[in-house]
Amino acid sequence: MKTPSRALTALIALALSPLSLAASNFEMAGERFILASPDLAKLALEDSKAQGLPYRYGIQIGFDALQANGKRTSHGQWQRLDDGRVSLRWELASPGAKSLDFHFSTLRLPGNAELIIAGEGKDNQRIIKASDLSGGEYWSPYIIGDTASLEIRVSPRERAQLDVQLAQVTHGYRGLFEASSDFSKSGSCNVDVVCSAGTGWGDQIDSVGQYTFSQSGSSYVCTGTLLGNTGNTTTPYFLTANHCVSTATVAGTVVVYWNYESSTCRTPGSTSSGTPISKSVATHSQSGASLTATNAASDFALLRLSTNVPTGANAFFSGWDATGTAPSSAAGIHHPAGHEKRISIEDQALTISAYGGGSGTTHWRVNDWDQGTTEGGSSGSGLWNQNKRLVGQLHGGSAACGNNLSDYYGRLSVSWNGGGTATTRLRDWLDPGSTGTTSFAGYRTGTTPPPPTGATFENTTDFAILDKKTINSPIVVTGRTGNAPSTLKVYVNILHTYRGDLKVDLVAPDGSLYNIHNRTGGSADNLTGTYTINASSEVANGTWKLRVYDGATGDTGTLDKWNLQF
């Protein structure tokens, strides 16, 4: 790309996309830049022929007219704010766009500076801070609609360190993120993760993220999964498909969105189930990734996200199974057509095949989904076995609402050794200590090991924790002899926005109380960990309970799960 002008009147650079815009293809309406709209008929024709490719939602428009370097700006005037900072604001529109996102060839924000990208309507803005950046280049999350303001806020003392150069604008022509879409919507047979089909899959659901990426002038959407490793670290390894991301350049354009899912179960097959919900439901996003390993044979790509997963996203680091044992049943969790998170269920055993069928051993074949389906945008999404461990990622297939056709997932057991080198296989990254582990349970955070294995009794039913209320979650222990051990392990996973509100006790079958947590931890989120209790005076068999009391108002939460290991 050419060196951008620093003049107050800037020219539009030629676009990098096939739909290149010359300088005559934009107008000024007052202080607002108006970009030319792409040829929607041409895009629709191209998309109709794009079989087996990632789901395209946008086209990039080259636009380097906006720049700020220290005090110097290509357009606009600095204004002083009441808080002592100064502000520079730009406005632009790409008429007819369903969404807009932005590629900055350079984005450096000093100290407490912010870049605020805002569209029209409530909760339709993104605030980017220095802590969100990992290099000079930046790909932003999108905002809904066809107009946006870009506002820089910075301390006058730090302004000299500021460097902002816009390079491209993505015109989202497919309505992935709004209440209705005249281009496309995911099939109504899809099943929301909050429906009964998702019961017991909460951890795996929380490991799945939707992401966008850009290449060759277009922007696409796929799905990926956050994976745990045997070192129990929070290293953000993100598994997806090679046919989505296969180069380091494309990996750098990735933007991941967490927790984009419906809060209610819309009846599968209903009109509402086929209508996307607002993208503002996604709780967190993050930009940038590096390509750690990839191999086309099993169609896997392992990314390392450029920043840690936001704590507030409460993501789960999924477990996995590299043994190659055929699952007796399976679940897929994904974002069809880029829409909210869905779950698909296969009640039959998977079979081994080549991609598309026939002889070969690189893929799992899902013969015919019993609940739900997959679509474009689902590419790269995970497949879990009956033990809730990931065994592959979606390569492709012909499954859709209304048919009984198959899908094919690259086998994690094949990707484990891949092409025989660290950059073409998974084992170096998921088992960094070379422990020889080939089946792993996963964990909620990197500071707490996964729940212990062995003679374990578990309750995964969610219990709402409300202000000034007490809950009792039961576990029935059977088949034990004598008393409980002096080292009874109690694993607890409580999601709550103020840990210091909580008092947590283990209740033995005879009613005896063993305190686990008593209103410590202040304003920190969540209570997750394994606690050792001397329960040797208690009979092992019977109904044990975890009692949780919220002793304050203003913050609530959920008991996600807990277990006992004898």
Protein backbone atom coordinates (compact mmCIF):
# COMPACT_ATOMS: atom_id res chain seq x y z
CA MET A 1 0.00 0.00 0.00
CA LYS A 2 1.27 3.48 -0.82
CA THR A 3 2.42 5.87 1.92
CA PRO A 4 -0.71 7.75 3.03
CA SER A 5 -0.99 11.51 2.66
CA ARG A 6 -0.87 13.68 5.77
CA ALA A 7 -2.55 16.60 4.02
CA LEU A 8 -5.82 17.97 5.32
CA THR A 9 -7.43 16.93 2.03
CA ALA A 10 -6.66 13.28 1.39
CA LEU A 11 -7.26 11.06 -1.61
CA ILE A 12 -8.77 7.63 -1.49
CA ALA A 13 -6.26 4.87 -2.21
CA LEU A 14 -7.04 2.09 -4.65
CA ALA A 15 -8.79 -0.78 -2.88
CA LEU A 16 -7.07 -4.11 -2.34
CA SER A 17 -10.31 -5.94 -3.12
CA PRO A 18 -11.60 -6.95 -6.56
CA LEU A 19 -14.15 -4.13 -6.19
CA SER A 20 -11.49 -1.41 -6.25
CA LEU A 21 -12.67 2.14 -5.68
CA ALA A 22 -11.13 5.07 -7.45
CA ALA A 23 -11.08 8.54 -5.93
CA SER A 24 -14.27 9.42 -7.81
CA ASN A 25 -16.16 6.64 -6.00
CA PHE A 26 -16.69 8.56 -2.79
CA GLU A 27 -18.40 11.78 -1.91
CA MET A 28 -18.39 14.21 0.99
CA ALA A 29 -21.67 15.08 2.72
CA GLY A 30 -20.63 17.83 5.04
CA GLU A 31 -17.87 16.27 7.16
CA ARG A 32 -18.96 12.70 6.41
CA PHE A 33 -17.18 10.45 3.92
CA ILE A 34 -19.68 8.52 1.76
CA LEU A 35 -18.26 5.36 0.17
CA ALA A 36 -19.63 3.77 -2.99
CA SER A 37 -21.72 0.64 -2.47
CA PRO A 38 -20.56 -2.67 -3.95
CA ASP A 39 -22.41 -4.53 -6.69
CA LEU A 40 -24.75 -6.76 -4.66
CA ALA A 41 -25.96 -8.73 -7.68
CA LYS A 42 -22.40 -9.64 -8.58
CA LEU A 43 -21.65 -10.70 -5.01
CA ALA A 44 -24.80 -12.84 -4.84
CA LEU A 45 -23.81 -14.61 -8.06
CA GLU A 46 -20.30 -15.27 -6.75
CA ASP A 47 -21.66 -16.59 -3.46
CA SER A 48 -24.06 -18.96 -5.24
CA LYS A 49 -21.04 -20.65 -6.82
CA ALA A 50 -18.87 -20.72 -3.70
CA GLN A 51 -19.46 -24.34 -2.70
CA GLY A 52 -17.19 -25.72 0.01
CA LEU A 53 -15.74 -22.29 0.83
CA PRO A 54 -16.01 -20.25 4.04
CA TYR A 55 -19.10 -18.08 4.42
CA ARG A 56 -18.46 -14.60 2.99
CA TYR A 57 -20.28 -11.71 4.63
CA GLY A 58 -18.40 -8.62 3.48
CA ILE A 59 -16.26 -6.94 0.85
CA GLN A 60 -13.33 -4.65 1.65
CA ILE A 61 -13.11 -1.09 0.38
CA GLY A 62 -9.68 0.47 0.28
CA PHE A 63 -9.81 3.76 2.17
CA ASP A 64 -6.70 5.44 3.58
CA ALA A 65 -8.00 9.01 3.72
CA LEU A 66 -8.05 9.12 7.53
CA GLN A 67 -4.88 9.45 9.55
CA ALA A 68 -3.69 10.96 12.80
CA ASN A 69 -0.05 11.15 13.81
CA GLY A 70 0.56 13.18 16.93
CA LYS A 71 -1.17 16.53 16.44
CA ARG A 72 -1.25 16.18 12.68
CA THR A 73 -4.47 14.88 11.12
CA SER A 74 -5.64 14.21 7.58
CA HIS A 75 -9.13 15.49 8.37
CA GLY A 76 -10.98 17.16 11.22
CA GLN A 77 -10.00 19.27 14.21
CA TRP A 78 -8.94 18.34 17.73
CA GLN A 79 -11.49 19.32 20.41
CA ARG A 80 -10.89 19.57 24.16
CA LEU A 81 -13.08 17.40 26.40
CA ASP A 82 -14.31 18.18 29.91
CA ASP A 83 -12.01 15.50 31.38
CA GLY A 84 -8.93 17.30 30.02
CA ARG A 85 -8.34 14.96 27.10
CA VAL A 86 -8.60 15.99 23.46
CA SER A 87 -10.83 14.34 20.88
CA LEU A 88 -10.69 13.86 17.12
CA ARG A 89 -13.82 12.57 15.38
CA TRP A 90 -14.37 11.24 11.86
CA GLU A 91 -17.62 10.10 10.25
CA LEU A 92 -18.19 7.82 7.29
CA ALA A 93 -20.94 5.79 5.65
CA SER A 94 -21.15 2.89 3.22
CA PRO A 95 -24.82 3.03 2.16
CA GLY A 96 -26.74 -0.22 2.45
CA ALA A 97 -24.18 -2.02 4.60
CA LYS A 98 -25.54 -4.40 7.23
CA SER A 99 -22.34 -3.95 9.25
CA LEU A 100 -19.02 -2.14 9.08
CA ASP A 101 -15.62 -3.10 10.39
CA PHE A 102 -12.25 -1.49 9.93
CA HIS A 103 -8.67 -2.43 9.11
CA PHE A 104 -6.02 -0.09 10.45
CA SER A 105 -2.61 -0.52 8.85
CA THR A 106 -1.28 1.24 11.96
CA LEU A 107 -2.97 1.69 15.32
CA ARG A 108 -0.91 2.80 18.29
CA LEU A 109 -2.74 4.15 21.32
CA PRO A 110 -0.65 5.49 24.20
CA GLY A 111 -1.51 5.17 27.88
CA ASN A 112 -5.20 5.76 28.53
CA ALA A 113 -6.09 6.72 24.95
CA GLU A 114 -9.19 5.21 23.39
CA LEU A 115 -10.56 4.65 19.91
CA ILE A 116 -14.36 4.57 19.97
CA ILE A 117 -16.08 3.12 16.91
CA ALA A 118 -19.82 3.77 17.13
CA GLY A 119 -22.81 3.06 14.93
CA GLU A 120 -26.39 4.18 15.32
CA GLY A 121 -28.54 2.85 18.15
CA LYS A 122 -28.00 1.68 21.71
CA ASP A 123 -25.05 -0.56 22.62
CA ASN A 124 -23.69 -0.31 19.07
CA GLN A 125 -20.11 0.74 19.74
CA ARG A 126 -16.64 -0.69 20.28
CA ILE A 127 -14.09 0.86 22.62
CA ILE A 128 -10.49 -0.07 21.77
CA LYS A 129 -7.73 0.56 24.31
CA ALA A 130 -3.99 0.05 24.31
CA SER A 131 -4.40 -3.24 26.16
CA ASP A 132 -6.42 -4.59 23.20
CA LEU A 133 -3.54 -4.10 20.78
CA SER A 134 -0.75 -6.56 20.09
CA GLY A 135 1.09 -4.92 17.19
CA GLY A 136 1.01 -2.04 14.77
CA GLU A 137 -1.83 -3.45 12.64
CA TYR A 138 -5.39 -3.87 13.90
CA TRP A 139 -8.65 -5.39 12.62
CA SER A 140 -11.64 -4.06 14.53
CA PRO A 141 -14.82 -5.77 15.68
CA TYR A 142 -17.81 -4.65 13.63
CA ILE A 143 -20.65 -2.32 14.39
CA ILE A 144 -24.17 -2.75 13.03
CA GLY A 145 -25.45 -0.56 10.21
CA ASP A 146 -24.02 1.52 7.39
CA THR A 147 -22.76 4.60 9.26
CA ALA A 148 -19.99 4.95 11.82
CA SER A 149 -18.07 7.52 13.76
CA LEU A 150 -14.44 6.97 14.72
CA GLU A 151 -13.39 9.04 17.71
CA ILE A 152 -9.91 9.22 19.25
CA ARG A 153 -9.59 10.40 22.85
CA VAL A 154 -6.12 11.03 24.23
CA SER A 155 -4.30 13.07 26.84
CA PRO A 156 -2.52 16.11 25.29
CA ARG A 157 0.70 14.96 26.98
CA GLU A 158 0.49 11.55 25.25
CA ARG A 159 -0.77 12.72 21.87
CA ALA A 160 2.72 12.77 20.35
CA GLN A 161 2.80 8.96 20.68
CA LEU A 162 -0.47 8.51 18.79
CA ASP A 163 -0.39 6.89 15.33
CA VAL A 164 -3.60 5.95 13.52
CA GLN A 165 -3.91 5.02 9.84
CA LEU A 166 -7.11 3.57 8.42
CA ALA A 167 -6.53 1.25 5.45
CA GLN A 168 -9.81 -0.51 4.61
CA VAL A 169 -13.48 -0.60 5.49
CA THR A 170 -15.43 -3.85 5.28
CA HIS A 171 -18.92 -3.36 3.83
CA GLY A 172 -20.96 -6.20 5.36
CA TYR A 173 -23.54 -6.97 2.69
CA ARG A 174 -25.00 -10.03 4.37
CA GLY A 175 -27.18 -9.32 7.41
CA LEU A 176 -25.52 -11.71 9.83
CA PHE A 177 -26.04 -9.62 12.89
CA GLU A 178 -29.50 -8.14 12.93
CA ALA A 179 -33.11 -9.10 13.61
CA SER A 180 -33.88 -9.91 9.99
CA SER A 181 -31.93 -10.47 6.80
CA ASP A 182 -32.93 -10.11 3.18
CA PHE A 183 -29.87 -12.06 2.05
CA SER A 184 -29.64 -15.09 4.31
CA LYS A 185 -30.62 -16.56 7.62
CA SER A 186 -29.67 -19.80 9.32
CA GLY A 187 -32.10 -22.69 8.94
CA SER A 188 -34.96 -22.93 11.40
CA CYS A 189 -34.12 -26.56 12.23
CA ASN A 190 -31.05 -25.32 14.10
CA VAL A 191 -31.15 -25.76 17.89
CA ASP A 192 -30.18 -23.02 20.36
CA VAL A 193 -27.55 -24.08 22.87
CA VAL A 194 -29.89 -23.08 25.71
CA CYS A 195 -32.45 -25.69 24.58
CA SER A 196 -32.65 -29.12 26.24
CA ALA A 197 -30.22 -30.56 23.67
CA GLY A 198 -27.54 -28.35 25.24
CA THR A 199 -28.14 -29.56 28.81
CA GLY A 200 -24.90 -30.91 30.24
CA TRP A 201 -22.79 -29.31 27.50
CA GLY A 202 -22.28 -25.95 29.23
CA ASP A 203 -18.48 -26.14 29.38
CA GLN A 204 -18.16 -27.12 25.74
CA ILE A 205 -20.60 -24.39 24.69
CA ASP A 206 -18.45 -21.82 26.50
CA SER A 207 -15.34 -22.93 24.61
CA VAL A 208 -16.79 -22.03 21.20
CA GLY A 209 -16.25 -18.67 19.52
CA GLN A 210 -17.39 -17.20 16.25
CA TYR A 211 -14.73 -15.33 14.30
CA THR A 212 -14.32 -13.20 11.20
CA PHE A 213 -11.26 -13.03 8.95
CA SER A 214 -10.24 -11.39 5.71
CA GLN A 215 -8.37 -12.43 2.60
CA SER A 216 -8.18 -11.40 -1.06
CA GLY A 217 -10.43 -8.41 -0.54
CA SER A 218 -13.30 -10.28 1.11
CA SER A 219 -14.34 -10.95 4.71
CA TYR A 220 -15.62 -14.30 5.99
CA VAL A 221 -16.99 -15.98 9.10
CA CYS A 222 -16.10 -19.38 10.61
CA THR A 223 -16.21 -21.05 14.04
CA GLY A 224 -13.43 -22.20 16.36
CA THR A 225 -12.85 -23.78 19.78
CA LEU A 226 -10.62 -22.75 22.68
CA LEU A 227 -8.52 -25.78 23.71
CA GLY A 228 -6.88 -26.70 26.99
CA ASN A 229 -3.39 -28.14 27.25
CA THR A 230 -1.77 -30.57 29.67
CA GLY A 231 0.13 -27.70 31.29
CA ASN A 232 -3.24 -26.25 32.43
CA THR A 233 -2.24 -22.80 31.19
CA THR A 234 -4.40 -20.01 29.79
CA THR A 235 -2.46 -19.98 26.52
CA PRO A 236 -5.29 -19.17 24.08
CA TYR A 237 -5.01 -22.00 21.53
CA PHE A 238 -7.96 -21.83 19.15
CA LEU A 239 -8.74 -24.77 16.85
CA THR A 240 -10.45 -24.20 13.51
CA ALA A 241 -10.28 -25.34 9.87
CA ASN A 242 -7.38 -25.07 7.46
CA HIS A 243 -9.82 -24.11 4.69
CA CYS A 244 -10.72 -21.05 6.78
CA VAL A 245 -7.25 -19.98 7.94
CA SER A 246 -4.11 -21.44 6.39
CA THR A 247 -1.57 -18.60 6.41
CA ALA A 248 -0.05 -16.30 9.01
CA THR A 249 -1.31 -13.28 7.08
CA VAL A 250 -4.92 -14.40 7.29
CA ALA A 251 -4.51 -15.38 10.96
CA GLY A 252 -3.55 -11.78 11.70
CA THR A 253 -6.98 -10.59 10.52
CA VAL A 254 -8.97 -12.82 12.90
CA VAL A 255 -11.49 -11.21 15.28
CA VAL A 256 -13.14 -13.62 17.77
CA TYR A 257 -16.56 -13.05 19.38
CA TRP A 258 -17.51 -14.85 22.59
CA ASN A 259 -20.95 -15.82 23.92
CA TYR A 260 -23.06 -14.84 20.92
CA GLU A 261 -26.07 -17.01 21.76
CA SER A 262 -29.77 -16.78 22.44
CA SER A 263 -30.88 -16.50 26.06
CA THR A 264 -34.11 -18.38 25.29
CA CYS A 265 -34.85 -21.65 23.52
CA ARG A 266 -36.64 -20.89 20.26
CA THR A 267 -38.60 -23.92 19.11
CA PRO A 268 -36.62 -25.72 16.37
CA GLY A 269 -38.50 -25.42 13.09
CA SER A 270 -40.22 -22.17 14.09
CA THR A 271 -39.88 -18.86 12.29
CA SER A 272 -38.13 -17.34 15.30
CA SER A 273 -35.51 -20.09 15.29
CA GLY A 274 -34.54 -19.09 11.76
CA THR A 275 -34.23 -15.39 12.57
CA PRO A 276 -30.88 -14.10 13.88
CA ILE A 277 -30.72 -12.11 17.09
CA SER A 278 -28.80 -8.88 17.66
CA LYS A 279 -25.03 -9.19 17.53
CA SER A 280 -24.78 -6.95 20.58
CA VAL A 281 -25.58 -10.08 22.59
CA ALA A 282 -21.95 -11.20 22.10
CA THR A 283 -20.29 -10.29 25.38
CA HIS A 284 -16.64 -9.91 24.39
CA SER A 285 -14.36 -9.79 21.37
CA GLN A 286 -10.63 -9.82 20.69
CA SER A 287 -8.47 -9.14 17.64
CA GLY A 288 -5.48 -10.85 16.09
CA ALA A 289 -3.91 -14.30 16.06
CA SER A 290 -0.81 -16.16 14.92
CA LEU A 291 -0.81 -19.46 13.05
CA THR A 292 0.75 -22.11 15.28
CA ALA A 293 0.19 -25.30 13.26
CA THR A 294 -1.89 -26.45 10.30
CA ASN A 295 -2.30 -29.39 7.95
CA ALA A 296 -4.62 -29.72 4.97
CA ALA A 297 -4.95 -33.53 5.20
CA SER A 298 -7.23 -33.36 8.25
CA ASP A 299 -8.12 -29.69 7.56
CA PHE A 300 -7.00 -28.33 10.93
CA ALA A 301 -5.53 -24.98 11.88
CA LEU A 302 -4.40 -24.18 15.42
CA LEU A 303 -4.23 -20.46 16.14
CA ARG A 304 -2.77 -18.70 19.14
CA LEU A 305 -4.90 -15.64 19.84
CA SER A 306 -2.83 -12.46 20.19
CA THR A 307 -4.23 -11.56 23.60
CA ASN A 308 -5.59 -13.66 26.45
CA VAL A 309 -9.29 -14.43 26.37
CA PRO A 310 -11.12 -11.66 28.27
CA THR A 311 -11.78 -12.77 31.84
CA GLY A 312 -15.38 -11.64 31.61
CA ALA A 313 -16.03 -14.01 28.71
CA ASN A 314 -15.66 -16.89 31.19
CA ALA A 315 -14.55 -19.20 28.40
CA PHE A 316 -13.84 -22.90 28.94
CA PHE A 317 -10.62 -24.50 27.71
CA SER A 318 -12.08 -27.59 26.07
CA GLY A 319 -10.83 -31.08 26.66
CA TRP A 320 -9.95 -33.35 23.76
CA ASP A 321 -9.43 -36.99 22.79
CA ALA A 322 -6.60 -38.01 20.45
CA THR A 323 -6.98 -41.78 20.94
CA GLY A 324 -8.87 -42.27 17.67
CA THR A 325 -11.57 -44.33 19.38
CA ALA A 326 -14.84 -44.05 17.45
CA PRO A 327 -17.42 -42.04 19.42
CA SER A 328 -20.70 -43.82 20.15
CA SER A 329 -22.50 -40.46 19.84
CA ALA A 330 -21.47 -36.86 19.28
CA ALA A 331 -22.36 -33.18 19.52
CA GLY A 332 -21.31 -30.28 17.32
CA ILE A 333 -21.40 -26.66 18.56
CA HIS A 334 -21.16 -23.91 15.95
CA HIS A 335 -22.32 -20.61 14.45
CA PRO A 336 -24.34 -21.43 11.30
CA ALA A 337 -24.29 -18.62 8.71
CA GLY A 338 -22.49 -16.53 11.33
CA HIS A 339 -25.57 -16.47 13.52
CA GLU A 340 -25.96 -17.25 17.20
CA LYS A 341 -24.45 -20.39 18.71
CA ARG A 342 -26.27 -23.68 18.01
CA ILE A 343 -25.87 -27.34 18.95
CA SER A 344 -26.31 -30.42 16.77
CA ILE A 345 -26.70 -33.95 18.14
CA GLU A 346 -25.79 -37.29 16.53
CA ASP A 347 -27.11 -40.26 18.51
CA GLN A 348 -25.37 -42.88 16.37
CA ALA A 349 -21.73 -43.96 16.28
CA LEU A 350 -19.38 -42.05 13.99
CA THR A 351 -17.50 -43.78 11.20
CA ILE A 352 -14.03 -43.20 9.78
CA SER A 353 -13.72 -42.08 6.16
CA ALA A 354 -11.98 -39.77 3.75
CA TYR A 355 -13.38 -36.28 3.30
CA GLY A 356 -16.62 -36.58 1.33
CA GLY A 357 -16.81 -40.33 1.91
CA GLY A 358 -15.00 -43.34 0.54
CA SER A 359 -11.83 -45.03 1.70
CA GLY A 360 -9.52 -43.06 3.93
CA THR A 361 -8.90 -42.39 7.61
CA THR A 362 -8.56 -38.61 7.93
CA HIS A 363 -12.16 -37.73 8.85
CA TRP A 364 -15.10 -38.58 11.07
CA ARG A 365 -18.37 -38.97 9.19
CA VAL A 366 -21.58 -37.82 10.87
CA ASN A 367 -24.06 -39.84 8.87
CA ASP A 368 -27.19 -37.79 9.60
CA TRP A 369 -27.77 -35.33 12.44
CA ASP A 370 -30.62 -36.38 14.76
CA GLN A 371 -31.06 -32.79 16.01
CA GLY A 372 -29.97 -29.65 14.23
CA THR A 373 -27.60 -29.32 11.27
CA THR A 374 -24.59 -27.25 10.11
CA GLU A 375 -24.21 -24.51 7.51
CA GLY A 376 -21.70 -22.09 6.05
CA GLY A 377 -20.17 -20.29 9.03
CA SER A 378 -20.08 -23.59 10.95
CA SER A 379 -16.76 -24.44 9.26
CA GLY A 380 -14.00 -25.13 11.76
CA SER A 381 -16.40 -25.84 14.62
CA GLY A 382 -15.74 -28.64 17.09
CA LEU A 383 -17.15 -32.14 17.38
CA TRP A 384 -17.28 -33.75 20.84
CA ASN A 385 -17.65 -37.41 21.77
CA GLN A 386 -19.99 -38.87 24.39
CA ASN A 387 -17.40 -38.04 27.07
CA LYS A 388 -17.52 -34.34 26.10
CA ARG A 389 -14.01 -34.34 24.65
CA LEU A 390 -13.28 -32.79 21.29
CA VAL A 391 -12.43 -35.25 18.52
CA GLY A 392 -12.42 -33.11 15.40
CA GLN A 393 -13.34 -29.90 13.56
CA LEU A 394 -15.80 -29.38 10.70
CA HIS A 395 -14.35 -29.59 7.21
CA GLY A 396 -17.62 -29.63 5.30
CA GLY A 397 -20.50 -31.73 4.06
CA SER A 398 -23.99 -31.57 2.65
CA ALA A 399 -26.12 -31.59 5.81
CA ALA A 400 -28.87 -28.97 5.89
CA CYS A 401 -32.37 -28.46 7.18
CA GLY A 402 -34.64 -30.84 5.30
CA ASN A 403 -32.14 -33.49 4.22
CA ASN A 404 -30.47 -36.59 5.66
CA LEU A 405 -26.98 -35.99 4.26
CA SER A 406 -23.61 -36.23 5.99
CA ASP A 407 -20.96 -33.93 7.45
CA TYR A 408 -17.22 -34.60 7.71
CA TYR A 409 -14.87 -33.55 10.51
CA GLY A 410 -11.06 -33.72 10.40
CA ARG A 411 -10.02 -36.22 13.08
CA LEU A 412 -8.06 -34.78 15.99
CA SER A 413 -6.25 -38.12 16.33
CA VAL A 414 -4.90 -37.65 12.79
CA SER A 415 -4.01 -34.00 13.44
CA TRP A 416 -2.22 -35.06 16.63
CA ASN A 417 0.80 -36.24 14.60
CA GLY A 418 -0.22 -34.41 11.44
CA GLY A 419 2.64 -33.93 8.99
CA GLY A 420 5.31 -34.94 11.49
CA THR A 421 6.57 -31.49 12.51
CA ALA A 422 5.60 -28.99 15.20
CA THR A 423 4.04 -26.66 12.61
CA THR A 424 1.91 -29.44 11.10
CA ARG A 425 0.64 -31.28 14.21
CA LEU A 426 -1.17 -30.64 17.49
CA ARG A 427 0.69 -32.68 20.06
CA ASP A 428 3.55 -30.20 20.62
CA TRP A 429 1.06 -27.51 21.66
CA LEU A 430 -1.67 -29.46 23.50
CA ASP A 431 0.83 -31.68 25.37
CA PRO A 432 3.76 -29.26 25.83
CA GLY A 433 5.40 -31.37 28.50
CA SER A 434 5.32 -34.53 26.35
CA THR A 435 3.43 -36.39 29.06
CA GLY A 436 1.98 -38.85 26.57
CA THR A 437 -1.59 -37.83 27.47
CA THR A 438 -4.04 -38.55 24.65
CA SER A 439 -7.33 -37.80 26.43
CA PHE A 440 -7.79 -34.64 28.46
CA ALA A 441 -10.73 -33.21 30.42
CA GLY A 442 -10.26 -29.44 29.95
CA TYR A 443 -10.68 -26.68 32.53
CA ARG A 444 -12.36 -23.36 33.16
CA THR A 445 -9.21 -21.30 33.88
CA GLY A 446 -5.50 -21.88 33.64
CA THR A 447 -4.93 -21.32 37.35
CA THR A 448 -7.06 -24.26 38.46
CA PRO A 449 -6.34 -27.81 37.28
CA PRO A 450 -9.21 -29.78 35.82
CA PRO A 451 -11.48 -31.65 38.23
CA PRO A 452 -9.87 -34.81 39.57
CA THR A 453 -10.52 -38.17 38.00
CA GLY A 454 -11.32 -41.42 39.79
CA ALA A 455 -14.40 -42.37 41.84
CA THR A 456 -16.18 -39.13 41.11
CA PHE A 457 -19.84 -38.18 41.61
CA GLU A 458 -21.01 -35.03 39.87
CA ASN A 459 -23.97 -32.66 39.56
CA THR A 460 -23.90 -30.49 36.40
CA THR A 461 -27.38 -28.99 36.81
CA ASP A 462 -27.28 -25.18 36.90
CA PHE A 463 -28.66 -23.54 40.07
CA ALA A 464 -29.40 -19.80 40.02
CA ILE A 465 -27.79 -17.91 42.93
CA LEU A 466 -29.99 -14.98 43.88
CA ASP A 467 -29.48 -12.15 46.36
CA LYS A 468 -30.08 -13.14 50.01
CA LYS A 469 -31.08 -16.68 48.97
CA THR A 470 -29.74 -20.18 49.69
CA ILE A 471 -29.50 -23.07 47.23
CA ASN A 472 -28.81 -26.75 47.90
CA SER A 473 -27.43 -28.87 45.05
CA PRO A 474 -27.56 -32.62 45.79
CA ILE A 475 -25.28 -35.49 44.82
CA VAL A 476 -26.34 -39.06 45.65
CA VAL A 477 -23.35 -41.28 46.44
CA THR A 478 -23.85 -45.02 46.10
CA GLY A 479 -21.68 -48.11 45.89
CA ARG A 480 -19.12 -46.99 48.48
CA THR A 481 -18.22 -48.91 51.61
CA GLY A 482 -17.52 -47.44 55.04
CA ASN A 483 -16.81 -43.81 55.69
CA ALA A 484 -15.72 -40.99 53.40
CA PRO A 485 -11.95 -40.33 53.20
CA SER A 486 -10.02 -37.78 55.22
CA THR A 487 -9.00 -36.25 51.89
CA LEU A 488 -12.41 -35.93 50.21
CA LYS A 489 -11.99 -33.71 47.15
CA VAL A 490 -14.76 -31.21 46.44
CA TYR A 491 -14.59 -29.49 43.04
CA VAL A 492 -16.73 -26.34 42.74
CA ASN A 493 -17.43 -24.12 39.74
CA ILE A 494 -19.55 -21.09 40.65
CA LEU A 495 -20.05 -18.21 38.21
CA HIS A 496 -20.67 -15.01 40.14
CA THR A 497 -19.78 -11.34 39.75
CA TYR A 498 -18.80 -10.76 43.40
CA ARG A 499 -17.10 -13.69 45.14
CA GLY A 500 -17.13 -11.95 48.50
CA ASP A 501 -20.93 -12.27 48.70
CA LEU A 502 -20.80 -16.07 48.93
CA LYS A 503 -20.77 -18.59 51.74
CA VAL A 504 -20.32 -22.18 50.53
CA ASP A 505 -20.69 -25.32 52.68
CA LEU A 506 -20.57 -29.05 52.02
CA VAL A 507 -23.50 -30.75 53.75
CA ALA A 508 -22.91 -34.39 54.71
CA PRO A 509 -25.75 -36.96 54.58
CA ASP A 510 -26.31 -36.56 58.35
CA GLY A 511 -26.55 -32.76 58.04
CA SER A 512 -23.04 -31.91 59.28
CA LEU A 513 -21.57 -28.78 57.68
CA TYR A 514 -18.05 -28.39 56.29
CA ASN A 515 -17.23 -24.83 55.25
CA ILE A 516 -15.51 -24.34 51.90
CA HIS A 517 -15.71 -20.57 51.41
CA ASN A 518 -16.91 -17.79 53.70
CA ARG A 519 -17.36 -14.40 52.02
CA THR A 520 -13.76 -13.74 51.08
CA GLY A 521 -12.29 -12.57 47.80
CA GLY A 522 -13.98 -9.18 47.58
CA SER A 523 -15.18 -8.10 44.15
CA ALA A 524 -13.36 -10.83 42.21
CA ASP A 525 -15.45 -12.89 39.80
CA ASN A 526 -16.31 -16.58 40.18
CA LEU A 527 -15.31 -19.30 42.61
CA THR A 528 -13.59 -22.24 40.93
CA GLY A 529 -11.34 -24.77 42.58
CA THR A 530 -10.83 -28.12 44.29
CA TYR A 531 -11.04 -28.21 48.09
CA THR A 532 -9.92 -30.99 50.45
CA ILE A 533 -12.26 -31.91 53.33
CA ASN A 534 -11.64 -34.32 56.21
CA ALA A 535 -14.93 -36.22 56.07
CA SER A 536 -13.69 -39.43 57.67
CA SER A 537 -16.40 -39.29 60.35
CA GLU A 538 -19.17 -39.38 57.71
CA VAL A 539 -20.73 -42.41 56.06
CA ALA A 540 -19.83 -42.24 52.38
CA ASN A 541 -23.16 -43.34 50.87
CA GLY A 542 -26.11 -41.00 50.95
CA THR A 543 -27.14 -37.56 49.72
CA TRP A 544 -24.47 -34.91 49.95
CA LYS A 545 -25.28 -31.28 49.20
CA LEU A 546 -23.43 -28.15 48.25
CA ARG A 547 -25.08 -25.23 50.02
CA VAL A 548 -24.47 -21.75 48.61
CA TYR A 549 -25.74 -18.58 50.28
CA ASP A 550 -25.52 -15.12 48.69
CA GLY A 551 -25.33 -12.72 51.63
CA ALA A 552 -25.59 -9.39 49.79
CA THR A 553 -27.52 -7.60 47.06
CA GLY A 554 -26.53 -6.31 43.65
CA ASP A 555 -24.68 -9.35 42.23
CA THR A 556 -26.02 -12.77 41.30
CA GLY A 557 -24.69 -15.88 39.64
CA THR A 558 -24.98 -19.59 38.91
CA LEU A 559 -23.69 -22.80 40.42
CA ASP A 560 -22.45 -24.35 37.17
CA LYS A 561 -21.38 -27.73 38.55
CA TRP A 562 -19.65 -29.47 41.42
CA ASN A 563 -18.34 -32.95 42.19
CA LEU A 564 -17.01 -35.23 44.92
CA GLN A 565 -13.98 -37.47 44.51
CA PHE A 566 -13.59 -40.34 46.95
